[in-house]
Amino acid sequence: MKFKKTQVENPEIDMTPMIDIVFQLIAFFTIVSNFDQTKADERVKLPRDPMAKPPEVKRENELYINLGYVRNKSGEIVGSRSQPYVFYQGGDKEKYTVVEFKPILHQEARLYGQEGTDPKTVTVVLRADKEVPTGLVQEMIKFSQEASFERFALMATQKTD
């Protein structure tokens, strides 16, 4: 008996639906991603603490202050360690010394007041670099209190072993 030899065709997989799903997932995660990090500054290296945890309740009004050093691409401090800066967008320049930032805190308090929000209800979220002296953090809190802010939160990353 003679058998006919048939050619076996390799099935081709249509990748179009897979690509569509991948793009839909990218769009979904882009929209749903945590937008709290938009107020973070990559130049600020937060301290690590095992007690650090995210807030249990979302704060209604927040003013983020990033206090840190100018760093190069490898993360090393450029310039003097004695001169940390407040990284703030919305002023004349991008970085201020702590003393230069004092009038901006008063300006922020006035802006909140004009919006109908009492500055005493605004939480000042201080993101201070782990190498910033504690005295400067305390001075920033003092300047914030002079500008009528009363609520404060200090940011740290959770230490995991």
C-alpha atoms as a PDB file:
ATOM      1  CA  MET A   1       0.000   0.000   0.000  1.00  0.00           C
ATOM      2  CA  LYS A   2       1.316   3.330  -0.976  1.00  0.00           C
ATOM      3  CA  PHE A   3       0.942   6.268   1.419  1.00  0.00           C
ATOM      4  CA  LYS A   4       0.806   9.792   0.239  1.00  0.00           C
ATOM      5  CA  LYS A   5       3.218  12.133   1.924  1.00  0.00           C
ATOM      6  CA  THR A   6       1.457  15.252   3.179  1.00  0.00           C
ATOM      7  CA  GLN A   7       3.203  18.436   4.024  1.00  0.00           C
ATOM      8  CA  VAL A   8       2.789  19.605   7.562  1.00  0.00           C
ATOM      9  CA  GLU A   9       2.145  23.325   7.771  1.00  0.00           C
ATOM     10  CA  ASN A  10       3.512  25.214  10.727  1.00  0.00           C
ATOM     11  CA  PRO A  11       0.696  27.243  12.207  1.00  0.00           C
ATOM     12  CA  GLU A  12       1.438  30.936  12.546  1.00  0.00           C
ATOM     13  CA  ILE A  13       0.406  32.651  15.730  1.00  0.00           C
ATOM     14  CA  ASP A  14      -1.371  35.948  15.319  1.00  0.00           C
ATOM     15  CA  MET A  15       0.328  38.329  17.768  1.00  0.00           C
ATOM     16  CA  THR A  16      -2.041  41.248  17.177  1.00  0.00           C
ATOM     17  CA  PRO A  17      -4.382  40.469  20.112  1.00  0.00           C
ATOM     18  CA  MET A  18      -1.388  39.990  22.416  1.00  0.00           C
ATOM     19  CA  ILE A  19       0.032  43.387  21.438  1.00  0.00           C
ATOM     20  CA  ASP A  20      -3.381  44.997  21.957  1.00  0.00           C
ATOM     21  CA  ILE A  21      -3.624  43.541  25.459  1.00  0.00           C
ATOM     22  CA  VAL A  22      -0.122  44.722  26.356  1.00  0.00           C
ATOM     23  CA  PHE A  23      -0.906  48.281  25.263  1.00  0.00           C
ATOM     24  CA  GLN A  24      -4.189  48.234  27.172  1.00  0.00           C
ATOM     25  CA  LEU A  25      -2.354  47.105  30.316  1.00  0.00           C
ATOM     26  CA  ILE A  26       0.232  49.858  29.888  1.00  0.00           C
ATOM     27  CA  ALA A  27      -2.543  52.446  29.527  1.00  0.00           C
ATOM     28  CA  PHE A  28      -4.389  51.034  32.551  1.00  0.00           C
ATOM     29  CA  PHE A  29      -1.362  51.063  34.859  1.00  0.00           C
ATOM     30  CA  THR A  30      -0.359  54.518  33.675  1.00  0.00           C
ATOM     31  CA  ILE A  31      -3.757  55.883  34.651  1.00  0.00           C
ATOM     32  CA  VAL A  32      -4.049  53.988  37.935  1.00  0.00           C
ATOM     33  CA  SER A  33      -0.456  54.512  39.083  1.00  0.00           C
ATOM     34  CA  ASN A  34       0.296  56.293  42.332  1.00  0.00           C
ATOM     35  CA  PHE A  35       0.389  60.001  41.634  1.00  0.00           C
ATOM     36  CA  ASP A  36       1.809  60.836  45.089  1.00  0.00           C
ATOM     37  CA  GLN A  37       5.284  60.346  43.708  1.00  0.00           C
ATOM     38  CA  THR A  38       4.812  63.291  41.344  1.00  0.00           C
ATOM     39  CA  LYS A  39       5.627  65.578  44.264  1.00  0.00           C
ATOM     40  CA  ALA A  40       8.795  63.661  45.052  1.00  0.00           C
ATOM     41  CA  ASP A  41      12.220  64.858  43.976  1.00  0.00           C
ATOM     42  CA  GLU A  42      14.798  62.247  43.025  1.00  0.00           C
ATOM     43  CA  ARG A  43      17.599  64.394  44.471  1.00  0.00           C
ATOM     44  CA  VAL A  44      16.214  63.788  47.976  1.00  0.00           C
ATOM     45  CA  LYS A  45      17.409  60.479  49.435  1.00  0.00           C
ATOM     46  CA  LEU A  46      14.933  59.719  52.218  1.00  0.00           C
ATOM     47  CA  PRO A  47      16.085  58.105  55.459  1.00  0.00           C
ATOM     48  CA  ARG A  48      15.173  54.478  56.120  1.00  0.00           C
ATOM     49  CA  ASP A  49      13.192  53.577  59.205  1.00  0.00           C
ATOM     50  CA  PRO A  50      11.475  50.318  60.178  1.00  0.00           C
ATOM     51  CA  MET A  51       8.643  52.343  61.768  1.00  0.00           C
ATOM     52  CA  ALA A  52       7.865  54.282  58.568  1.00  0.00           C
ATOM     53  CA  LYS A  53       4.454  53.604  57.096  1.00  0.00           C
ATOM     54  CA  PRO A  54       2.124  55.367  54.695  1.00  0.00           C
ATOM     55  CA  PRO A  55      -0.613  57.549  56.155  1.00  0.00           C
ATOM     56  CA  GLU A  56      -3.718  55.629  57.133  1.00  0.00           C
ATOM     57  CA  VAL A  57      -6.034  58.383  55.957  1.00  0.00           C
ATOM     58  CA  LYS A  58      -5.546  60.451  52.817  1.00  0.00           C
ATOM     59  CA  ARG A  59      -4.755  64.019  53.777  1.00  0.00           C
ATOM     60  CA  GLU A  60      -6.984  66.581  52.120  1.00  0.00           C
ATOM     61  CA  ASN A  61      -4.571  69.502  51.693  1.00  0.00           C
ATOM     62  CA  GLU A  62      -0.825  68.969  51.462  1.00  0.00           C
ATOM     63  CA  LEU A  63       2.174  71.171  50.792  1.00  0.00           C
ATOM     64  CA  TYR A  64       5.243  69.152  49.807  1.00  0.00           C
ATOM     65  CA  ILE A  65       8.683  70.508  50.646  1.00  0.00           C
ATOM     66  CA  ASN A  66      11.727  68.655  49.270  1.00  0.00           C
ATOM     67  CA  LEU A  67      14.890  69.454  51.246  1.00  0.00           C
ATOM     68  CA  GLY A  68      18.099  67.936  49.942  1.00  0.00           C
ATOM     69  CA  TYR A  69      21.347  68.309  48.065  1.00  0.00           C
ATOM     70  CA  VAL A  70      22.313  68.766  44.451  1.00  0.00           C
ATOM     71  CA  ARG A  71      23.574  65.370  43.325  1.00  0.00           C
ATOM     72  CA  ASN A  72      25.381  64.074  40.253  1.00  0.00           C
ATOM     73  CA  LYS A  73      24.194  61.115  38.174  1.00  0.00           C
ATOM     74  CA  SER A  74      25.839  58.597  40.504  1.00  0.00           C
ATOM     75  CA  GLY A  75      24.031  60.081  43.520  1.00  0.00           C
ATOM     76  CA  GLU A  76      27.009  61.834  45.110  1.00  0.00           C
ATOM     77  CA  ILE A  77      26.528  65.286  46.608  1.00  0.00           C
ATOM     78  CA  VAL A  78      27.840  68.086  44.411  1.00  0.00           C
ATOM     79  CA  GLY A  79      29.217  71.086  46.271  1.00  0.00           C
ATOM     80  CA  SER A  80      29.132  71.697  49.989  1.00  0.00           C
ATOM     81  CA  ARG A  81      27.396  69.319  52.409  1.00  0.00           C
ATOM     82  CA  SER A  82      26.653  72.319  54.580  1.00  0.00           C
ATOM     83  CA  GLN A  83      24.315  73.797  51.963  1.00  0.00           C
ATOM     84  CA  PRO A  84      21.130  71.793  51.389  1.00  0.00           C
ATOM     85  CA  TYR A  85      18.437  73.319  49.211  1.00  0.00           C
ATOM     86  CA  VAL A  86      14.675  73.375  49.098  1.00  0.00           C
ATOM     87  CA  PHE A  87      13.631  72.112  45.667  1.00  0.00           C
ATOM     88  CA  TYR A  88      10.472  73.971  44.774  1.00  0.00           C
ATOM     89  CA  GLN A  89       8.763  74.520  41.464  1.00  0.00           C
ATOM     90  CA  GLY A  90       6.605  77.541  41.082  1.00  0.00           C
ATOM     91  CA  GLY A  91       8.975  80.280  42.155  1.00  0.00           C
ATOM     92  CA  ASP A  92      11.571  82.370  40.365  1.00  0.00           C
ATOM     93  CA  LYS A  93      14.116  79.577  40.528  1.00  0.00           C
ATOM     94  CA  GLU A  94      14.140  75.870  41.248  1.00  0.00           C
ATOM     95  CA  LYS A  95      16.260  75.665  44.409  1.00  0.00           C
ATOM     96  CA  TYR A  96      16.336  77.853  47.502  1.00  0.00           C
ATOM     97  CA  THR A  97      18.255  77.897  50.740  1.00  0.00           C
ATOM     98  CA  VAL A  98      16.134  77.334  53.842  1.00  0.00           C
ATOM     99  CA  VAL A  99      16.266  81.059  54.707  1.00  0.00           C
ATOM    100  CA  GLU A 100      15.362  82.066  51.121  1.00  0.00           C
ATOM    101  CA  PHE A 101      12.340  79.767  51.281  1.00  0.00           C
ATOM    102  CA  LYS A 102      10.790  81.508  54.296  1.00  0.00           C
ATOM    103  CA  PRO A 103       8.905  84.181  52.248  1.00  0.00           C
ATOM    104  CA  ILE A 104       7.633  81.479  49.886  1.00  0.00           C
ATOM    105  CA  LEU A 105       6.029  79.704  52.860  1.00  0.00           C
ATOM    106  CA  HIS A 106       4.206  82.927  53.718  1.00  0.00           C
ATOM    107  CA  GLN A 107       3.171  83.242  50.068  1.00  0.00           C
ATOM    108  CA  GLU A 108       1.838  79.663  50.081  1.00  0.00           C
ATOM    109  CA  ALA A 109      -0.157  80.395  53.254  1.00  0.00           C
ATOM    110  CA  ARG A 110      -1.684  83.470  51.578  1.00  0.00           C
ATOM    111  CA  LEU A 111      -2.555  81.421  48.473  1.00  0.00           C
ATOM    112  CA  TYR A 112      -4.304  78.781  50.576  1.00  0.00           C
ATOM    113  CA  GLY A 113      -6.192  81.556  52.359  1.00  0.00           C
ATOM    114  CA  GLN A 114      -7.298  83.050  49.029  1.00  0.00           C
ATOM    115  CA  GLU A 115      -8.587  79.626  47.969  1.00  0.00           C
ATOM    116  CA  GLY A 116     -10.670  79.492  51.147  1.00  0.00           C
ATOM    117  CA  THR A 117      -8.481  76.932  52.904  1.00  0.00           C
ATOM    118  CA  ASP A 118      -7.162  77.751  56.347  1.00  0.00           C
ATOM    119  CA  PRO A 119      -3.370  77.168  56.348  1.00  0.00           C
ATOM    120  CA  LYS A 120      -3.770  75.562  59.779  1.00  0.00           C
ATOM    121  CA  THR A 121      -5.581  72.649  58.099  1.00  0.00           C
ATOM    122  CA  VAL A 122      -2.867  72.127  55.474  1.00  0.00           C
ATOM    123  CA  THR A 123      -0.341  69.368  56.201  1.00  0.00           C
ATOM    124  CA  VAL A 124       3.235  70.328  55.380  1.00  0.00           C
ATOM    125  CA  VAL A 125       4.883  67.122  54.133  1.00  0.00           C
ATOM    126  CA  LEU A 126       8.610  67.504  54.646  1.00  0.00           C
ATOM    127  CA  ARG A 127      10.747  65.226  52.502  1.00  0.00           C
ATOM    128  CA  ALA A 128      14.213  65.793  53.963  1.00  0.00           C
ATOM    129  CA  ASP A 129      17.327  64.053  52.678  1.00  0.00           C
ATOM    130  CA  LYS A 130      18.838  61.610  55.161  1.00  0.00           C
ATOM    131  CA  GLU A 131      22.043  63.685  55.233  1.00  0.00           C
ATOM    132  CA  VAL A 132      20.373  67.025  56.000  1.00  0.00           C
ATOM    133  CA  PRO A 133      21.181  68.174  59.554  1.00  0.00           C
ATOM    134  CA  THR A 134      18.263  67.837  61.956  1.00  0.00           C
ATOM    135  CA  GLY A 135      18.604  71.501  62.910  1.00  0.00           C
ATOM    136  CA  LEU A 136      17.704  72.584  59.370  1.00  0.00           C
ATOM    137  CA  VAL A 137      14.622  70.374  59.394  1.00  0.00           C
ATOM    138  CA  GLN A 138      13.590  71.969  62.681  1.00  0.00           C
ATOM    139  CA  GLU A 139      14.257  75.429  61.239  1.00  0.00           C
ATOM    140  CA  MET A 140      12.036  74.617  58.250  1.00  0.00           C
ATOM    141  CA  ILE A 141       9.255  73.536  60.624  1.00  0.00           C
ATOM    142  CA  LYS A 142       9.709  76.760  62.615  1.00  0.00           C
ATOM    143  CA  PHE A 143       9.455  78.874  59.440  1.00  0.00           C
ATOM    144  CA  SER A 144       6.335  76.929  58.451  1.00  0.00           C
ATOM    145  CA  GLN A 145       4.766  77.583  61.846  1.00  0.00           C
ATOM    146  CA  GLU A 146       5.538  81.302  61.488  1.00  0.00           C
ATOM    147  CA  ALA A 147       3.650  81.178  58.171  1.00  0.00           C
ATOM    148  CA  SER A 148       0.568  79.750  60.018  1.00  0.00           C
ATOM    149  CA  PHE A 149       0.994  76.065  59.142  1.00  0.00           C
ATOM    150  CA  GLU A 150       0.353  73.735  62.090  1.00  0.00           C
ATOM    151  CA  ARG A 151       0.269  70.189  60.714  1.00  0.00           C
ATOM    152  CA  PHE A 152       3.444  68.372  59.728  1.00  0.00           C
ATOM    153  CA  ALA A 153       4.461  65.000  58.335  1.00  0.00           C
ATOM    154  CA  LEU A 154       8.013  63.779  57.816  1.00  0.00           C
ATOM    155  CA  MET A 155       8.668  61.289  55.036  1.00  0.00           C
ATOM    156  CA  ALA A 156      10.928  58.235  55.266  1.00  0.00           C
ATOM    157  CA  THR A 157      11.163  54.976  53.392  1.00  0.00           C
ATOM    158  CA  GLN A 158      10.445  51.745  55.215  1.00  0.00           C
ATOM    159  CA  LYS A 159      13.559  49.783  56.113  1.00  0.00           C
ATOM    160  CA  THR A 160      13.263  46.187  54.996  1.00  0.00           C
ATOM    161  CA  ASP A 161      15.867  43.510  55.670  1.00  0.00           C
END
